[in-house]
Amino acid sequence: MARTALDLGVRDLAELAGVSPDTIARLERGEGLREKTVAAIRAALESAGIIFLAEGEALDGGPGVRLVRRQ
């Protein structure tokens, strides 16, 4: 969802995060990854403009993502 919101392809996000496209595909399939790998992907998404919302931070109370408002 976050990758799509940024209009990034799998290869684009992989390059930003310093991981392989296969790693992004594994994450999106819900497979387990190392914590540092997930942290690198999260950092890449955040630097590209994604804000991660924890439980209770969204209107309906569930976790989610949103884009940073750019001026």
N, C-alpha and C. Protein backbone atom coordinates (compact mmCIF):
# COMPACT_ATOMS: atom_id res chain seq x y z
N MET A 1 0.82 -1.19 0.00
CA MET A 1 0.00 0.00 0.00
C MET A 1 0.87 1.26 0.00
N ALA A 2 1.87 1.32 0.86
CA ALA A 2 2.73 2.50 0.95
C ALA A 2 3.53 2.67 -0.34
N ARG A 3 4.05 1.59 -0.87
CA ARG A 3 4.82 1.67 -2.12
C ARG A 3 3.96 2.18 -3.26
N THR A 4 2.74 1.68 -3.33
CA THR A 4 1.82 2.08 -4.38
C THR A 4 1.42 3.55 -4.23
N ALA A 5 1.21 3.99 -2.99
CA ALA A 5 0.84 5.39 -2.75
C ALA A 5 1.92 6.34 -3.26
N LEU A 6 3.15 5.90 -3.23
CA LEU A 6 4.27 6.71 -3.72
C LEU A 6 4.52 6.50 -5.20
N ASP A 7 3.77 5.64 -5.82
CA ASP A 7 3.94 5.29 -7.23
C ASP A 7 5.35 4.75 -7.50
N LEU A 8 5.81 3.90 -6.57
CA LEU A 8 7.12 3.26 -6.71
C LEU A 8 6.94 1.82 -7.17
N GLY A 9 7.78 1.39 -8.07
CA GLY A 9 7.81 -0.01 -8.44
C GLY A 9 8.63 -0.79 -7.42
N VAL A 10 8.58 -2.10 -7.52
CA VAL A 10 9.34 -2.96 -6.62
C VAL A 10 10.83 -2.64 -6.73
N ARG A 11 11.32 -2.50 -7.93
CA ARG A 11 12.75 -2.20 -8.13
C ARG A 11 13.12 -0.83 -7.57
N ASP A 12 12.21 0.15 -7.71
CA ASP A 12 12.47 1.49 -7.19
C ASP A 12 12.65 1.46 -5.67
N LEU A 13 11.71 0.81 -4.98
CA LEU A 13 11.79 0.73 -3.53
C LEU A 13 13.01 -0.07 -3.10
N ALA A 14 13.29 -1.15 -3.80
CA ALA A 14 14.47 -1.96 -3.47
C ALA A 14 15.74 -1.12 -3.54
N GLU A 15 15.86 -0.30 -4.57
CA GLU A 15 17.04 0.55 -4.71
C GLU A 15 17.11 1.58 -3.58
N LEU A 16 15.99 2.21 -3.26
CA LEU A 16 15.96 3.20 -2.17
C LEU A 16 16.35 2.58 -0.82
N ALA A 17 15.92 1.34 -0.61
CA ALA A 17 16.17 0.67 0.68
C ALA A 17 17.49 -0.09 0.72
N GLY A 18 18.12 -0.25 -0.43
CA GLY A 18 19.38 -1.00 -0.48
C GLY A 18 19.19 -2.49 -0.31
N VAL A 19 18.08 -3.00 -0.81
CA VAL A 19 17.78 -4.44 -0.75
C VAL A 19 17.45 -4.92 -2.16
N SER A 20 17.27 -6.21 -2.32
CA SER A 20 16.94 -6.75 -3.63
C SER A 20 15.43 -6.65 -3.90
N PRO A 21 15.05 -6.62 -5.17
CA PRO A 21 13.61 -6.65 -5.50
C PRO A 21 12.92 -7.90 -4.93
N ASP A 22 13.65 -9.02 -4.86
CA ASP A 22 13.08 -10.23 -4.28
C ASP A 22 12.72 -10.02 -2.81
N THR A 23 13.52 -9.23 -2.10
CA THR A 23 13.24 -8.95 -0.69
C THR A 23 11.94 -8.15 -0.55
N ILE A 24 11.73 -7.18 -1.42
CA ILE A 24 10.48 -6.41 -1.40
C ILE A 24 9.31 -7.33 -1.69
N ALA A 25 9.45 -8.21 -2.66
CA ALA A 25 8.38 -9.16 -3.00
C ALA A 25 8.09 -10.07 -1.80
N ARG A 26 9.12 -10.53 -1.10
CA ARG A 26 8.91 -11.39 0.07
C ARG A 26 8.16 -10.63 1.17
N LEU A 27 8.53 -9.38 1.38
CA LEU A 27 7.82 -8.56 2.38
C LEU A 27 6.35 -8.42 2.01
N GLU A 28 6.08 -8.15 0.76
CA GLU A 28 4.70 -7.95 0.31
C GLU A 28 3.88 -9.24 0.34
N ARG A 29 4.55 -10.38 0.30
CA ARG A 29 3.85 -11.66 0.44
C ARG A 29 3.63 -12.03 1.90
N GLY A 30 4.20 -11.23 2.81
CA GLY A 30 4.04 -11.49 4.23
C GLY A 30 5.05 -12.44 4.82
N GLU A 31 6.11 -12.71 4.09
CA GLU A 31 7.16 -13.59 4.59
C GLU A 31 8.02 -12.84 5.61
N GLY A 32 8.61 -13.55 6.53
CA GLY A 32 9.45 -12.95 7.55
C GLY A 32 10.76 -12.44 6.99
N LEU A 33 11.18 -11.28 7.47
CA LEU A 33 12.46 -10.69 7.09
C LEU A 33 13.21 -10.30 8.36
N ARG A 34 14.50 -10.11 8.25
CA ARG A 34 15.29 -9.64 9.39
C ARG A 34 14.82 -8.24 9.80
N GLU A 35 14.92 -7.96 11.09
CA GLU A 35 14.50 -6.65 11.61
C GLU A 35 15.22 -5.50 10.91
N LYS A 36 16.52 -5.66 10.68
CA LYS A 36 17.27 -4.56 10.05
C LYS A 36 16.83 -4.34 8.60
N THR A 37 16.39 -5.40 7.95
CA THR A 37 15.91 -5.27 6.58
C THR A 37 14.58 -4.52 6.56
N VAL A 38 13.68 -4.89 7.47
CA VAL A 38 12.39 -4.20 7.57
C VAL A 38 12.63 -2.73 7.93
N ALA A 39 13.58 -2.47 8.83
CA ALA A 39 13.89 -1.09 9.23
C ALA A 39 14.41 -0.28 8.04
N ALA A 40 15.22 -0.89 7.19
CA ALA A 40 15.74 -0.20 6.01
C ALA A 40 14.62 0.15 5.03
N ILE A 41 13.70 -0.78 4.84
CA ILE A 41 12.57 -0.54 3.94
C ILE A 41 11.66 0.55 4.52
N ARG A 42 11.39 0.47 5.82
CA ARG A 42 10.56 1.48 6.47
C ARG A 42 11.22 2.86 6.35
N ALA A 43 12.51 2.95 6.60
CA ALA A 43 13.22 4.22 6.51
C ALA A 43 13.16 4.79 5.09
N ALA A 44 13.28 3.92 4.10
CA ALA A 44 13.20 4.37 2.71
C ALA A 44 11.81 4.93 2.40
N LEU A 45 10.78 4.24 2.88
CA LEU A 45 9.41 4.71 2.66
C LEU A 45 9.16 6.04 3.38
N GLU A 46 9.64 6.14 4.61
CA GLU A 46 9.47 7.37 5.37
C GLU A 46 10.20 8.54 4.72
N SER A 47 11.40 8.30 4.22
CA SER A 47 12.14 9.39 3.57
C SER A 47 11.49 9.80 2.25
N ALA A 48 10.72 8.90 1.67
CA ALA A 48 10.00 9.21 0.44
C ALA A 48 8.65 9.87 0.70
N GLY A 49 8.24 9.96 1.99
CA GLY A 49 7.01 10.69 2.30
C GLY A 49 5.90 9.92 2.96
N ILE A 50 6.16 8.72 3.43
CA ILE A 50 5.13 7.92 4.10
C ILE A 50 5.20 8.14 5.60
N ILE A 51 4.04 8.27 6.23
CA ILE A 51 3.92 8.30 7.69
C ILE A 51 3.19 7.03 8.08
N PHE A 52 3.79 6.25 8.98
CA PHE A 52 3.14 5.04 9.47
C PHE A 52 2.29 5.38 10.69
N LEU A 53 1.05 4.93 10.70
CA LEU A 53 0.12 5.18 11.78
C LEU A 53 -0.04 3.92 12.62
N ALA A 54 0.12 4.07 13.91
CA ALA A 54 -0.05 2.95 14.83
C ALA A 54 -1.53 2.74 15.14
N GLU A 55 -1.83 1.66 15.79
CA GLU A 55 -3.18 1.37 16.25
C GLU A 55 -3.72 2.58 17.00
N GLY A 56 -4.92 3.03 16.64
CA GLY A 56 -5.56 4.15 17.32
C GLY A 56 -5.23 5.52 16.76
N GLU A 57 -4.29 5.60 15.81
CA GLU A 57 -3.93 6.90 15.23
C GLU A 57 -4.74 7.24 13.99
N ALA A 58 -5.52 6.31 13.50
CA ALA A 58 -6.36 6.56 12.33
C ALA A 58 -7.80 6.76 12.78
N LEU A 59 -8.60 7.34 11.93
CA LEU A 59 -9.99 7.60 12.28
C LEU A 59 -10.74 6.34 12.71
N ASP A 60 -10.50 5.23 12.02
CA ASP A 60 -11.21 4.00 12.37
C ASP A 60 -10.48 3.20 13.44
N GLY A 61 -9.35 3.72 13.92
CA GLY A 61 -8.64 3.07 15.02
C GLY A 61 -7.61 2.05 14.63
N GLY A 62 -7.55 1.66 13.35
CA GLY A 62 -6.60 0.64 12.93
C GLY A 62 -5.29 1.23 12.44
N PRO A 63 -4.28 0.41 12.29
CA PRO A 63 -3.00 0.88 11.77
C PRO A 63 -3.12 1.22 10.28
N GLY A 64 -2.22 2.03 9.77
CA GLY A 64 -2.27 2.39 8.36
C GLY A 64 -1.10 3.27 7.98
N VAL A 65 -1.21 3.87 6.79
CA VAL A 65 -0.18 4.78 6.30
C VAL A 65 -0.86 6.00 5.70
N ARG A 66 -0.11 7.09 5.61
CA ARG A 66 -0.58 8.26 4.86
C ARG A 66 0.64 8.97 4.31
N LEU A 67 0.40 9.85 3.36
CA LEU A 67 1.47 10.61 2.75
C LEU A 67 1.70 11.89 3.52
N VAL A 68 2.94 12.33 3.56
CA VAL A 68 3.28 13.61 4.16
C VAL A 68 2.71 14.71 3.29
N ARG A 69 2.16 15.72 3.93
CA ARG A 69 1.66 16.87 3.18
C ARG A 69 2.84 17.72 2.75
N ARG A 70 3.02 17.90 1.47
CA ARG A 70 4.13 18.69 0.94
C ARG A 70 3.60 20.07 0.53
N GLN A 71 4.34 21.08 0.85
CA GLN A 71 3.94 22.47 0.50
C GLN A 71 4.45 22.82 -0.86
